[in-house]
N, C-alpha and C. Protein backbone atom coordinates (compact mmCIF):
# COMPACT_ATOMS: atom_id res chain seq x y z
N MET A 1 -33.97 -20.33 -17.79
CA MET A 1 -32.94 -20.13 -18.91
C MET A 1 -32.28 -18.76 -18.68
N VAL A 2 -30.98 -18.75 -18.96
CA VAL A 2 -30.21 -17.60 -18.73
C VAL A 2 -30.33 -16.65 -19.93
N LYS A 3 -30.62 -15.45 -19.77
CA LYS A 3 -30.78 -14.52 -20.86
C LYS A 3 -29.31 -13.98 -21.27
N SER A 4 -29.18 -13.83 -22.45
CA SER A 4 -27.91 -13.34 -23.05
C SER A 4 -27.86 -11.85 -22.99
N HIS A 5 -26.82 -11.33 -22.38
CA HIS A 5 -26.66 -9.84 -22.20
C HIS A 5 -25.74 -9.33 -23.33
N GLY A 6 -25.55 -10.03 -24.38
CA GLY A 6 -24.65 -9.52 -25.39
C GLY A 6 -23.17 -9.72 -25.13
N ASN A 7 -22.40 -9.19 -26.00
CA ASN A 7 -20.94 -9.40 -25.94
C ASN A 7 -20.23 -8.68 -24.71
N SER A 8 -20.88 -7.76 -24.11
CA SER A 8 -20.35 -6.96 -23.07
C SER A 8 -20.36 -7.82 -21.72
N ILE A 9 -21.20 -8.78 -21.56
CA ILE A 9 -21.13 -9.68 -20.35
C ILE A 9 -20.60 -11.00 -20.79
N LYS A 10 -19.53 -11.43 -20.13
CA LYS A 10 -18.85 -12.69 -20.39
C LYS A 10 -19.44 -13.89 -19.71
N ASP A 11 -20.17 -13.71 -18.58
CA ASP A 11 -20.74 -14.80 -17.84
C ASP A 11 -22.09 -14.36 -17.46
N ASP A 12 -23.03 -14.65 -18.35
CA ASP A 12 -24.44 -14.20 -18.10
C ASP A 12 -25.12 -14.81 -16.91
N LYS A 13 -24.88 -16.03 -16.49
CA LYS A 13 -25.41 -16.66 -15.30
C LYS A 13 -24.87 -15.92 -14.05
N LEU A 14 -23.67 -15.78 -13.95
CA LEU A 14 -23.05 -15.01 -12.76
C LEU A 14 -23.57 -13.54 -12.72
N TYR A 15 -23.61 -12.92 -13.72
CA TYR A 15 -24.19 -11.57 -13.88
C TYR A 15 -25.56 -11.55 -13.28
N GLU A 16 -26.52 -12.43 -13.77
CA GLU A 16 -27.82 -12.47 -13.27
C GLU A 16 -27.92 -12.77 -11.77
N ASP A 17 -27.17 -13.77 -11.36
CA ASP A 17 -27.11 -14.07 -9.93
C ASP A 17 -26.62 -12.87 -9.09
N LEU A 18 -25.71 -12.13 -9.50
CA LEU A 18 -25.18 -10.93 -8.81
C LEU A 18 -26.26 -9.78 -8.77
N ARG A 19 -26.89 -9.70 -9.94
CA ARG A 19 -28.00 -8.64 -9.96
C ARG A 19 -29.09 -9.10 -8.95
N ASP A 20 -29.43 -10.44 -8.96
CA ASP A 20 -30.47 -10.87 -8.02
C ASP A 20 -30.11 -10.62 -6.51
N GLU A 21 -28.85 -10.59 -6.27
CA GLU A 21 -28.28 -10.35 -4.92
C GLU A 21 -28.32 -8.80 -4.58
N GLY A 22 -28.59 -8.00 -5.57
CA GLY A 22 -28.68 -6.61 -5.40
C GLY A 22 -27.45 -5.75 -5.79
N TYR A 23 -26.50 -6.38 -6.57
CA TYR A 23 -25.45 -5.64 -7.11
C TYR A 23 -25.84 -4.72 -8.18
N SER A 24 -25.25 -3.62 -8.37
CA SER A 24 -25.56 -2.72 -9.53
C SER A 24 -25.25 -3.39 -10.83
N LYS A 25 -25.68 -2.86 -11.88
CA LYS A 25 -25.33 -3.49 -13.23
C LYS A 25 -23.85 -3.37 -13.41
N GLU A 26 -23.22 -2.25 -13.17
CA GLU A 26 -21.83 -2.01 -13.40
C GLU A 26 -21.04 -3.00 -12.52
N LYS A 27 -21.28 -3.13 -11.25
CA LYS A 27 -20.46 -4.03 -10.40
C LYS A 27 -20.64 -5.44 -10.78
N ALA A 28 -21.88 -5.89 -11.10
CA ALA A 28 -22.15 -7.20 -11.54
C ALA A 28 -21.44 -7.50 -12.85
N ALA A 29 -21.43 -6.55 -13.75
CA ALA A 29 -20.71 -6.76 -14.96
C ALA A 29 -19.22 -6.89 -14.77
N ARG A 30 -18.66 -6.07 -13.95
CA ARG A 30 -17.21 -6.14 -13.62
C ARG A 30 -16.79 -7.47 -13.00
N ILE A 31 -17.59 -7.91 -11.99
CA ILE A 31 -17.34 -9.17 -11.30
C ILE A 31 -17.38 -10.37 -12.42
N ALA A 32 -18.59 -10.35 -13.08
CA ALA A 32 -18.73 -11.50 -14.02
C ALA A 32 -17.74 -11.57 -15.02
N ASN A 33 -17.32 -10.42 -15.67
CA ASN A 33 -16.27 -10.44 -16.64
C ASN A 33 -14.94 -10.84 -16.12
N ALA A 34 -14.55 -10.38 -14.92
CA ALA A 34 -13.32 -10.73 -14.31
C ALA A 34 -13.27 -12.13 -13.98
N LYS A 35 -14.35 -12.78 -13.49
CA LYS A 35 -14.35 -14.29 -13.22
C LYS A 35 -14.27 -15.05 -14.48
N ALA A 36 -14.78 -14.49 -15.63
CA ALA A 36 -14.84 -15.26 -16.90
C ALA A 36 -13.41 -15.19 -17.59
N ASN A 37 -12.55 -14.23 -17.18
CA ASN A 37 -11.26 -14.10 -17.76
C ASN A 37 -10.26 -15.00 -17.03
N PRO A 38 -9.70 -16.03 -17.75
CA PRO A 38 -8.78 -16.89 -17.10
C PRO A 38 -7.46 -16.29 -16.50
N ASP A 39 -7.22 -15.11 -17.00
CA ASP A 39 -5.95 -14.30 -16.59
C ASP A 39 -6.17 -13.48 -15.32
N MET A 40 -7.48 -13.33 -15.00
CA MET A 40 -7.75 -12.50 -13.80
C MET A 40 -8.20 -13.32 -12.71
N HIS A 41 -7.82 -13.01 -11.48
CA HIS A 41 -8.29 -13.76 -10.27
C HIS A 41 -8.83 -12.81 -9.32
N PRO A 42 -10.03 -12.33 -9.48
CA PRO A 42 -10.58 -11.23 -8.56
C PRO A 42 -10.67 -11.59 -7.17
N SER A 43 -10.80 -12.89 -6.79
CA SER A 43 -10.89 -13.21 -5.41
C SER A 43 -9.50 -13.28 -4.76
N GLU A 44 -8.39 -13.20 -5.58
CA GLU A 44 -7.12 -13.24 -4.99
C GLU A 44 -6.55 -11.82 -4.81
N LYS A 45 -7.21 -10.84 -5.29
CA LYS A 45 -6.63 -9.46 -5.16
C LYS A 45 -6.65 -8.97 -3.68
N GLY A 46 -5.85 -8.07 -3.45
CA GLY A 46 -5.86 -7.51 -2.00
C GLY A 46 -5.10 -8.39 -1.04
N GLY A 47 -5.22 -7.98 0.20
CA GLY A 47 -4.55 -8.84 1.28
C GLY A 47 -2.97 -8.91 1.18
N LYS A 48 -2.42 -7.83 0.70
CA LYS A 48 -0.99 -7.83 0.51
C LYS A 48 -0.22 -7.38 1.80
N ALA A 49 -1.01 -6.79 2.66
CA ALA A 49 -0.37 -6.25 3.95
C ALA A 49 -0.18 -7.41 4.96
N PRO A 50 0.87 -7.48 5.71
CA PRO A 50 0.96 -8.49 6.74
C PRO A 50 -0.15 -8.36 7.85
N PRO A 51 -0.43 -9.41 8.58
CA PRO A 51 -1.40 -9.31 9.64
C PRO A 51 -0.92 -8.27 10.73
N TYR A 52 -1.87 -7.72 11.43
CA TYR A 52 -1.53 -6.71 12.47
C TYR A 52 -0.51 -7.26 13.39
N GLU A 53 -0.53 -8.53 13.75
CA GLU A 53 0.44 -9.04 14.69
C GLU A 53 1.75 -8.86 14.36
N GLN A 54 2.10 -8.69 13.01
CA GLN A 54 3.49 -8.52 12.49
C GLN A 54 3.84 -7.02 12.49
N TRP A 55 2.91 -6.15 12.70
CA TRP A 55 3.20 -4.73 12.64
C TRP A 55 3.82 -4.34 14.00
N THR A 56 4.63 -3.21 13.98
CA THR A 56 5.17 -2.73 15.25
C THR A 56 4.10 -1.96 15.88
N LYS A 57 4.23 -1.74 17.19
CA LYS A 57 3.28 -0.97 17.99
C LYS A 57 3.16 0.44 17.45
N GLU A 58 4.18 1.04 17.00
CA GLU A 58 4.32 2.37 16.43
C GLU A 58 3.40 2.48 15.15
N ASP A 59 3.62 1.38 14.24
CA ASP A 59 2.67 1.41 13.07
C ASP A 59 1.33 1.24 13.32
N LEU A 60 0.97 0.38 14.33
CA LEU A 60 -0.40 0.17 14.68
C LEU A 60 -1.01 1.43 15.27
N TYR A 61 -0.21 2.25 16.07
CA TYR A 61 -0.67 3.47 16.64
C TYR A 61 -0.82 4.50 15.47
N ASP A 62 0.00 4.50 14.42
CA ASP A 62 -0.16 5.41 13.42
C ASP A 62 -1.41 5.06 12.54
N ARG A 63 -1.72 3.84 12.40
CA ARG A 63 -2.96 3.49 11.69
C ARG A 63 -4.20 3.85 12.54
N ALA A 64 -4.08 3.63 13.78
CA ALA A 64 -5.24 4.01 14.69
C ALA A 64 -5.43 5.53 14.64
N LYS A 65 -4.31 6.29 14.52
CA LYS A 65 -4.45 7.71 14.54
C LYS A 65 -5.09 8.14 13.19
N GLU A 66 -4.76 7.48 12.04
CA GLU A 66 -5.39 7.75 10.80
C GLU A 66 -6.92 7.61 10.87
N LEU A 67 -7.35 6.55 11.59
CA LEU A 67 -8.70 6.09 11.75
C LEU A 67 -9.37 6.83 12.85
N GLU A 68 -8.64 7.74 13.57
CA GLU A 68 -9.11 8.54 14.70
C GLU A 68 -9.79 7.71 15.79
N ILE A 69 -9.05 6.60 16.17
CA ILE A 69 -9.47 5.68 17.27
C ILE A 69 -9.23 6.36 18.58
N ALA A 70 -10.37 6.55 19.35
CA ALA A 70 -10.13 7.25 20.63
C ALA A 70 -9.33 6.36 21.57
N GLY A 71 -8.62 6.94 22.51
CA GLY A 71 -7.87 6.28 23.51
C GLY A 71 -6.70 5.49 23.04
N ARG A 72 -6.35 5.74 21.86
CA ARG A 72 -5.09 4.94 21.31
C ARG A 72 -3.87 5.13 21.98
N SER A 73 -3.67 6.27 22.63
CA SER A 73 -2.31 6.63 23.29
C SER A 73 -2.01 5.67 24.47
N GLY A 74 -3.08 5.17 25.17
CA GLY A 74 -2.92 4.41 26.20
C GLY A 74 -3.15 2.93 26.02
N MET A 75 -3.21 2.53 24.75
CA MET A 75 -3.48 1.12 24.40
C MET A 75 -2.17 0.26 24.21
N THR A 76 -2.23 -0.97 24.52
CA THR A 76 -1.14 -1.94 24.34
C THR A 76 -1.30 -2.23 22.92
N LYS A 77 -0.29 -3.01 22.44
CA LYS A 77 -0.29 -3.58 21.12
C LYS A 77 -1.50 -4.37 20.79
N ASP A 78 -1.89 -5.26 21.76
CA ASP A 78 -3.05 -6.18 21.52
C ASP A 78 -4.39 -5.39 21.51
N GLU A 79 -4.37 -4.37 22.29
CA GLU A 79 -5.59 -3.45 22.37
C GLU A 79 -5.75 -2.66 21.06
N LEU A 80 -4.59 -2.20 20.50
CA LEU A 80 -4.55 -1.50 19.26
C LEU A 80 -5.07 -2.47 18.11
N ILE A 81 -4.58 -3.55 18.19
CA ILE A 81 -4.97 -4.67 17.11
C ILE A 81 -6.54 -4.85 17.27
N ALA A 82 -7.01 -5.07 18.41
CA ALA A 82 -8.43 -5.27 18.64
C ALA A 82 -9.27 -4.10 18.18
N ALA A 83 -8.88 -2.90 18.49
CA ALA A 83 -9.55 -1.60 18.04
C ALA A 83 -9.51 -1.46 16.53
N LEU A 84 -8.40 -1.90 15.98
CA LEU A 84 -8.39 -1.69 14.42
C LEU A 84 -9.23 -2.75 13.73
N ARG A 85 -9.50 -3.89 14.35
CA ARG A 85 -10.27 -4.83 13.80
C ARG A 85 -11.75 -4.70 14.00
N GLU A 86 -12.14 -3.70 14.84
CA GLU A 86 -13.58 -3.47 15.14
C GLU A 86 -14.19 -2.75 13.89
């Protein structure tokens, strides 16, 4: 039987499942409440950037520089994409 966690948790079953998986109380509560809200779609957030294949080599190089990827100056576009995905 699922324990009630009061009004602060909107989906008690999901909350308990997430806690059993090792999520913190705060993170489990945020996920459970977001999933229970029909106006929110937490699994659809993010992913707004185009895939690396659509980036220019210069943009890939700049991103590799931000991440301090060694050897980036001699890499091809495909090598930069592979390095960024590692």
